[in-house]
C-alpha atoms as a PDB file:
ATOM      1  CA  MET A   1       0.332   0.047   0.140  1.00  0.00           C
ATOM      2  CA  ALA A   2       1.083   3.393  -0.797  1.00  0.00           C
ATOM      3  CA  PRO A   3       2.243   5.684   1.848  1.00  0.00           C
ATOM      4  CA  HIS A   4      -0.125   8.655   2.661  1.00  0.00           C
ATOM      5  CA  PRO A   5       0.818  11.700   1.109  1.00  0.00           C
ATOM      6  CA  ALA A   6       1.615  13.497   3.874  1.00  0.00           C
ATOM      7  CA  ASN A   7       4.458  11.181   4.331  1.00  0.00           C
ATOM      8  CA  ARG A   8       5.654  11.958   0.831  1.00  0.00           C
ATOM      9  CA  LEU A   9       8.355  14.664   0.529  1.00  0.00           C
ATOM     10  CA  LEU A  10       9.370  16.454  -2.711  1.00  0.00           C
ATOM     11  CA  ILE A  11      12.658  18.305  -2.649  1.00  0.00           C
ATOM     12  CA  LEU A  12      12.822  20.570  -6.164  1.00  0.00           C
ATOM     13  CA  ALA A  13      15.630  22.401  -7.281  1.00  0.00           C
ATOM     14  CA  CYS A  14      14.609  26.379  -7.425  1.00  0.00           C
ATOM     15  CA  SER A  15      14.087  27.675 -11.068  1.00  0.00           C
ATOM     16  CA  ALA A  16      15.810  30.309 -13.261  1.00  0.00           C
ATOM     17  CA  THR A  17      12.631  30.988 -14.942  1.00  0.00           C
ATOM     18  CA  LYS A  18      10.281  32.911 -12.814  1.00  0.00           C
ATOM     19  CA  ARG A  19       6.777  34.415 -12.773  1.00  0.00           C
ATOM     20  CA  ASP A  20       6.352  38.198 -12.245  1.00  0.00           C
ATOM     21  CA  GLY A  21       3.899  39.784  -9.869  1.00  0.00           C
ATOM     22  CA  PRO A  22       3.969  40.894  -6.232  1.00  0.00           C
ATOM     23  CA  ALA A  23       7.102  41.593  -4.604  1.00  0.00           C
ATOM     24  CA  TYR A  24       6.433  38.353  -2.531  1.00  0.00           C
ATOM     25  CA  MET A  25       4.879  35.225  -3.598  1.00  0.00           C
ATOM     26  CA  PRO A  26       4.578  31.709  -2.369  1.00  0.00           C
ATOM     27  CA  ALA A  27       7.896  29.561  -4.188  1.00  0.00           C
ATOM     28  CA  ILE A  28       5.359  27.292  -6.262  1.00  0.00           C
ATOM     29  CA  GLU A  29       4.017  29.946  -7.918  1.00  0.00           C
ATOM     30  CA  ARG A  30       6.898  32.257  -8.274  1.00  0.00           C
ATOM     31  CA  TYR A  31       8.974  29.299  -9.738  1.00  0.00           C
ATOM     32  CA  ASP A  32       7.932  28.813 -13.422  1.00  0.00           C
ATOM     33  CA  GLY A  33      10.270  26.086 -14.908  1.00  0.00           C
ATOM     34  CA  PRO A  34       9.125  22.922 -16.660  1.00  0.00           C
ATOM     35  CA  LEU A  35       9.356  20.746 -13.527  1.00  0.00           C
ATOM     36  CA  TRP A  36       7.533  23.242 -11.461  1.00  0.00           C
ATOM     37  CA  GLN A  37       4.884  23.845 -14.392  1.00  0.00           C
ATOM     38  CA  THR A  38       4.683  19.746 -14.217  1.00  0.00           C
ATOM     39  CA  LEU A  39       4.241  19.707 -10.611  1.00  0.00           C
ATOM     40  CA  ARG A  40       1.421  22.443 -10.676  1.00  0.00           C
ATOM     41  CA  SER A  41      -0.457  20.685 -13.234  1.00  0.00           C
ATOM     42  CA  VAL A  42       0.009  17.239 -12.145  1.00  0.00           C
ATOM     43  CA  ASP A  43      -0.828  18.126  -8.822  1.00  0.00           C
ATOM     44  CA  PRO A  44      -2.701  21.022  -8.647  1.00  0.00           C
ATOM     45  CA  ARG A  45      -4.302  20.879  -5.004  1.00  0.00           C
ATOM     46  CA  GLY A  46      -1.154  20.046  -3.313  1.00  0.00           C
ATOM     47  CA  GLU A  47      -2.636  16.498  -2.814  1.00  0.00           C
ATOM     48  CA  LYS A  48       0.412  14.041  -3.575  1.00  0.00           C
ATOM     49  CA  ALA A  49       2.958  15.184  -1.521  1.00  0.00           C
ATOM     50  CA  LYS A  50       4.733  18.059   0.373  1.00  0.00           C
ATOM     51  CA  VAL A  51       6.746  20.152  -1.235  1.00  0.00           C
ATOM     52  CA  ALA A  52      10.100  22.212  -0.493  1.00  0.00           C
ATOM     53  CA  PHE A  53      12.842  23.847  -2.701  1.00  0.00           C
ATOM     54  CA  LEU A  54      16.723  24.276  -2.582  1.00  0.00           C
ATOM     55  CA  SER A  55      18.015  27.626  -4.080  1.00  0.00           C
ATOM     56  CA  ALA A  56      21.675  28.368  -4.469  1.00  0.00           C
ATOM     57  CA  ARG A  57      20.217  32.131  -2.939  1.00  0.00           C
ATOM     58  CA  LEU A  58      17.589  31.165   0.149  1.00  0.00           C
ATOM     59  CA  GLY A  59      19.039  27.628   0.737  1.00  0.00           C
ATOM     60  CA  PHE A  60      15.974  24.896   1.661  1.00  0.00           C
ATOM     61  CA  ARG A  61      12.649  26.173   2.411  1.00  0.00           C
ATOM     62  CA  ALA A  62       9.108  24.911   2.468  1.00  0.00           C
ATOM     63  CA  ALA A  63       7.189  25.596  -1.127  1.00  0.00           C
ATOM     64  CA  ALA A  64       4.512  27.626   0.428  1.00  0.00           C
ATOM     65  CA  THR A  65       7.335  30.115   1.067  1.00  0.00           C
ATOM     66  CA  PRO A  66       6.765  33.627  -0.035  1.00  0.00           C
ATOM     67  CA  ILE A  67       9.901  34.929  -1.963  1.00  0.00           C
ATOM     68  CA  GLU A  68      10.674  37.582  -4.014  1.00  0.00           C
ATOM     69  CA  MET A  69      12.480  37.516  -7.549  1.00  0.00           C
ATOM     70  CA  TYR A  70      16.105  36.965  -7.814  1.00  0.00           C
ATOM     71  CA  ASP A  71      18.764  35.635  -9.757  1.00  0.00           C
ATOM     72  CA  ALA A  72      21.415  33.115  -8.350  1.00  0.00           C
ATOM     73  CA  ARG A  73      23.000  29.751  -9.665  1.00  0.00           C
ATOM     74  CA  MET A  74      24.451  26.824  -7.914  1.00  0.00           C
ATOM     75  CA  THR A  75      28.046  26.531  -7.899  1.00  0.00           C
ATOM     76  CA  PRO A  76      29.948  24.294  -6.532  1.00  0.00           C
ATOM     77  CA  ALA A  77      31.409  26.628  -3.794  1.00  0.00           C
ATOM     78  CA  ILE A  78      27.881  27.514  -2.661  1.00  0.00           C
ATOM     79  CA  ALA A  79      27.182  23.324  -2.416  1.00  0.00           C
ATOM     80  CA  ALA A  80      30.069  22.992  -0.732  1.00  0.00           C
ATOM     81  CA  GLU A  81      29.050  25.687   1.847  1.00  0.00           C
ATOM     82  CA  MET A  82      25.910  24.364   2.262  1.00  0.00           C
ATOM     83  CA  LYS A  83      26.862  20.797   2.774  1.00  0.00           C
ATOM     84  CA  ALA A  84      29.356  22.147   5.349  1.00  0.00           C
ATOM     85  CA  GLY A  85      26.415  23.502   7.438  1.00  0.00           C
ATOM     86  CA  ASP A  86      23.804  21.578   9.522  1.00  0.00           C
ATOM     87  CA  LEU A  87      19.805  22.005  10.051  1.00  0.00           C
ATOM     88  CA  GLY A  88      20.814  25.427  12.447  1.00  0.00           C
ATOM     89  CA  THR A  89      22.816  26.875   9.719  1.00  0.00           C
ATOM     90  CA  ARG A  90      20.863  30.297   8.277  1.00  0.00           C
ATOM     91  CA  TRP A  91      20.776  30.874   4.528  1.00  0.00           C
ATOM     92  CA  PRO A  92      21.354  32.991   2.842  1.00  0.00           C
ATOM     93  CA  LYS A  93      24.546  33.801   4.608  1.00  0.00           C
ATOM     94  CA  GLN A  94      25.137  36.858   6.293  1.00  0.00           C
ATOM     95  CA  LYS A  95      27.457  39.446   4.486  1.00  0.00           C
ATOM     96  CA  THR A  96      28.720  41.074   7.726  1.00  0.00           C
ATOM     97  CA  ARG A  97      29.808  39.751  11.252  1.00  0.00           C
ATOM     98  CA  ARG A  98      27.666  42.170  13.012  1.00  0.00           C
ATOM     99  CA  ARG A  99      26.385  40.659  16.397  1.00  0.00           C
ATOM    100  CA  GLY A 100      22.561  40.019  17.253  1.00  0.00           C
ATOM    101  CA  MET A 101      20.138  37.659  15.508  1.00  0.00           C
ATOM    102  CA  ALA A 102      21.392  35.925  12.701  1.00  0.00           C
ATOM    103  CA  SER A 103      19.372  36.773   9.225  1.00  0.00           C
ATOM    104  CA  GLY A 104      18.457  33.963   6.687  1.00  0.00           C
ATOM    105  CA  GLU A 105      16.328  31.123   7.276  1.00  0.00           C
ATOM    106  CA  HIS A 106      17.443  27.673   7.889  1.00  0.00           C
ATOM    107  CA  PRO A 107      16.551  24.119   6.977  1.00  0.00           C
ATOM    108  CA  GLY A 108      15.786  22.693  10.384  1.00  0.00           C
ATOM    109  CA  MET A 109      12.713  25.473  10.784  1.00  0.00           C
ATOM    110  CA  HIS A 110      11.027  24.176   7.280  1.00  0.00           C
ATOM    111  CA  ILE A 111      11.631  20.373   7.748  1.00  0.00           C
ATOM    112  CA  ALA A 112      10.119  20.793  10.993  1.00  0.00           C
ATOM    113  CA  THR A 113       6.629  22.505   9.970  1.00  0.00           C
ATOM    114  CA  LEU A 114       6.620  20.001   7.173  1.00  0.00           C
ATOM    115  CA  THR A 115       6.537  17.101   9.475  1.00  0.00           C
ATOM    116  CA  GLY A 116       4.303  18.457  12.094  1.00  0.00           C
ATOM    117  CA  TYR A 117       7.442  18.745  14.363  1.00  0.00           C
ATOM    118  CA  GLY A 118       8.425  15.420  13.857  1.00  0.00           C
ATOM    119  CA  ARG A 119       5.063  13.909  14.418  1.00  0.00           C
ATOM    120  CA  VAL A 120       4.925  12.820  10.688  1.00  0.00           C
ATOM    121  CA  PRO A 121       8.256  11.609   9.306  1.00  0.00           C
ATOM    122  CA  PHE A 122       8.567  11.241   5.928  1.00  0.00           C
ATOM    123  CA  SER A 123       9.106   7.938   4.142  1.00  0.00           C
ATOM    124  CA  ASP A 124       8.944   8.305   0.687  1.00  0.00           C
ATOM    125  CA  VAL A 125      11.245  11.689  -0.705  1.00  0.00           C
ATOM    126  CA  ALA A 126      11.768  12.329  -4.543  1.00  0.00           C
ATOM    127  CA  LEU A 127      15.023  14.686  -4.877  1.00  0.00           C
ATOM    128  CA  VAL A 128      14.870  16.560  -8.567  1.00  0.00           C
ATOM    129  CA  GLY A 129      17.375  18.809 -10.126  1.00  0.00           C
ATOM    130  CA  GLY A 130      20.632  18.775 -11.212  1.00  0.00           C
ATOM    131  CA  HIS A 131      23.890  17.265  -9.938  1.00  0.00           C
ATOM    132  CA  LEU A 132      25.001  19.918  -7.504  1.00  0.00           C
ATOM    133  CA  TYR A 133      21.628  20.355  -6.233  1.00  0.00           C
ATOM    134  CA  LEU A 134      21.555  16.548  -5.758  1.00  0.00           C
ATOM    135  CA  ASP A 135      24.634  16.572  -4.027  1.00  0.00           C
ATOM    136  CA  VAL A 136      23.494  19.056  -1.126  1.00  0.00           C
ATOM    137  CA  MET A 137      19.597  17.608  -1.362  1.00  0.00           C
ATOM    138  CA  ARG A 138      21.546  14.224  -0.129  1.00  0.00           C
ATOM    139  CA  HIS A 139      23.158  15.944   2.706  1.00  0.00           C
ATOM    140  CA  LEU A 140      19.866  17.318   3.931  1.00  0.00           C
ATOM    141  CA  VAL A 141      18.490  13.951   3.708  1.00  0.00           C
ATOM    142  CA  ASP A 142      20.990  12.558   5.568  1.00  0.00           C
ATOM    143  CA  LEU A 143      20.485  15.343   8.414  1.00  0.00           C
ATOM    144  CA  PHE A 144      16.674  15.114   8.199  1.00  0.00           C
ATOM    145  CA  ARG A 145      17.206  11.258   9.001  1.00  0.00           C
ATOM    146  CA  GLU A 146      19.548  12.055  12.042  1.00  0.00           C
ATOM    147  CA  ARG A 147      16.812  13.807  13.302  1.00  0.00           C
ATOM    148  CA  GLY A 148      13.705  11.748  12.515  1.00  0.00           C
ATOM    149  CA  HIS A 149      11.997  13.946   9.882  1.00  0.00           C
ATOM    150  CA  ILE A 150      12.788  11.096   7.158  1.00  0.00           C
ATOM    151  CA  VAL A 151      12.442   7.478   8.336  1.00  0.00           C
ATOM    152  CA  GLY A 152      15.662   5.535   8.460  1.00  0.00           C
ATOM    153  CA  ASP A 153      14.154   3.056   5.593  1.00  0.00           C
ATOM    154  CA  ALA A 154      12.366   5.926   3.577  1.00  0.00           C
ATOM    155  CA  ARG A 155      12.405   5.214  -0.271  1.00  0.00           C
ATOM    156  CA  ILE A 156      14.492   7.782  -2.180  1.00  0.00           C
ATOM    157  CA  THR A 157      14.224   8.547  -5.791  1.00  0.00           C
ATOM    158  CA  GLU A 158      16.206  10.862  -7.550  1.00  0.00           C
ATOM    159  CA  VAL A 159      15.343  12.434 -10.722  1.00  0.00           C
ATOM    160  CA  ASN A 160      17.642  13.862 -13.115  1.00  0.00           C
ATOM    161  CA  GLY A 161      18.763  14.031 -16.548  1.00  0.00           C
ATOM    162  CA  PRO A 162      17.518  15.403 -19.507  1.00  0.00           C
ATOM    163  CA  ILE A 163      14.164  17.821 -19.014  1.00  0.00           C
ATOM    164  CA  GLY A 164      11.778  15.752 -20.797  1.00  0.00           C
ATOM    165  CA  ILE A 165      13.100  12.792 -18.729  1.00  0.00           C
ATOM    166  CA  MET A 166      13.001  14.352 -15.781  1.00  0.00           C
ATOM    167  CA  ARG A 167       9.457  15.895 -16.103  1.00  0.00           C
ATOM    168  CA  ARG A 168       8.271  12.291 -17.181  1.00  0.00           C
ATOM    169  CA  ASP A 169       9.869  10.835 -13.869  1.00  0.00           C
ATOM    170  CA  LEU A 170       8.563  13.731 -11.842  1.00  0.00           C
ATOM    171  CA  ARG A 171       5.148  13.150 -12.912  1.00  0.00           C
ATOM    172  CA  ARG A 172       5.317   9.303 -12.545  1.00  0.00           C
ATOM    173  CA  TRP A 173       6.629   9.747  -8.858  1.00  0.00           C
ATOM    174  CA  LEU A 174       3.845  12.030  -7.963  1.00  0.00           C
ATOM    175  CA  ASP A 175       1.157   9.911  -9.515  1.00  0.00           C
ATOM    176  CA  ARG A 176       2.950   6.551  -7.798  1.00  0.00           C
ATOM    177  CA  GLU A 177       3.749   5.074 -11.291  1.00  0.00           C
ATOM    178  CA  PHE A 178       7.683   5.442 -10.872  1.00  0.00           C
ATOM    179  CA  VAL A 179       9.207   1.972 -11.931  1.00  0.00           C
ATOM    180  CA  GLU A 180      11.307   0.049  -8.911  1.00  0.00           C
ATOM    181  CA  GLY A 181      14.858   0.590  -9.347  1.00  0.00           C
ATOM    182  CA  HIS A 182      14.664   2.994 -12.144  1.00  0.00           C
END
């Protein structure tokens, strides 16, 4: 039997293509690349999985998080810096070393909210994006497992490759048609 959608997590790489609109709008509405379009068409009411994103600029966040327009690309240096952190590492990184409350948000606050503060850990996870994004996502999955936000034997599906294949595989995962071992 398939897990309840509340136990499914989709982590999707951000998109260079963004919709214009208000200064801040939910990431799931702002991002407009092909994978985000597929997500919205296959799961228009957000019933098939909880969705988060990974951004070079904003880090890991729930897809409902309001975001502004920005332009940033994942680089090996940014990926390495993200992987050097933990669930409490705030992103974006502070530019100055002023004292006081650190700016930015951290992965721990978003994964906690998505799992009902650990009450409903994920057992089925899809990681969707380019190689650098997948590398950081794998690191985050390890941290989420350590804290009990993802069960130890969770099914982890990685979606990467040519965009047409990625759109197909994302659709299959959302619709539960993804072939085992693919």
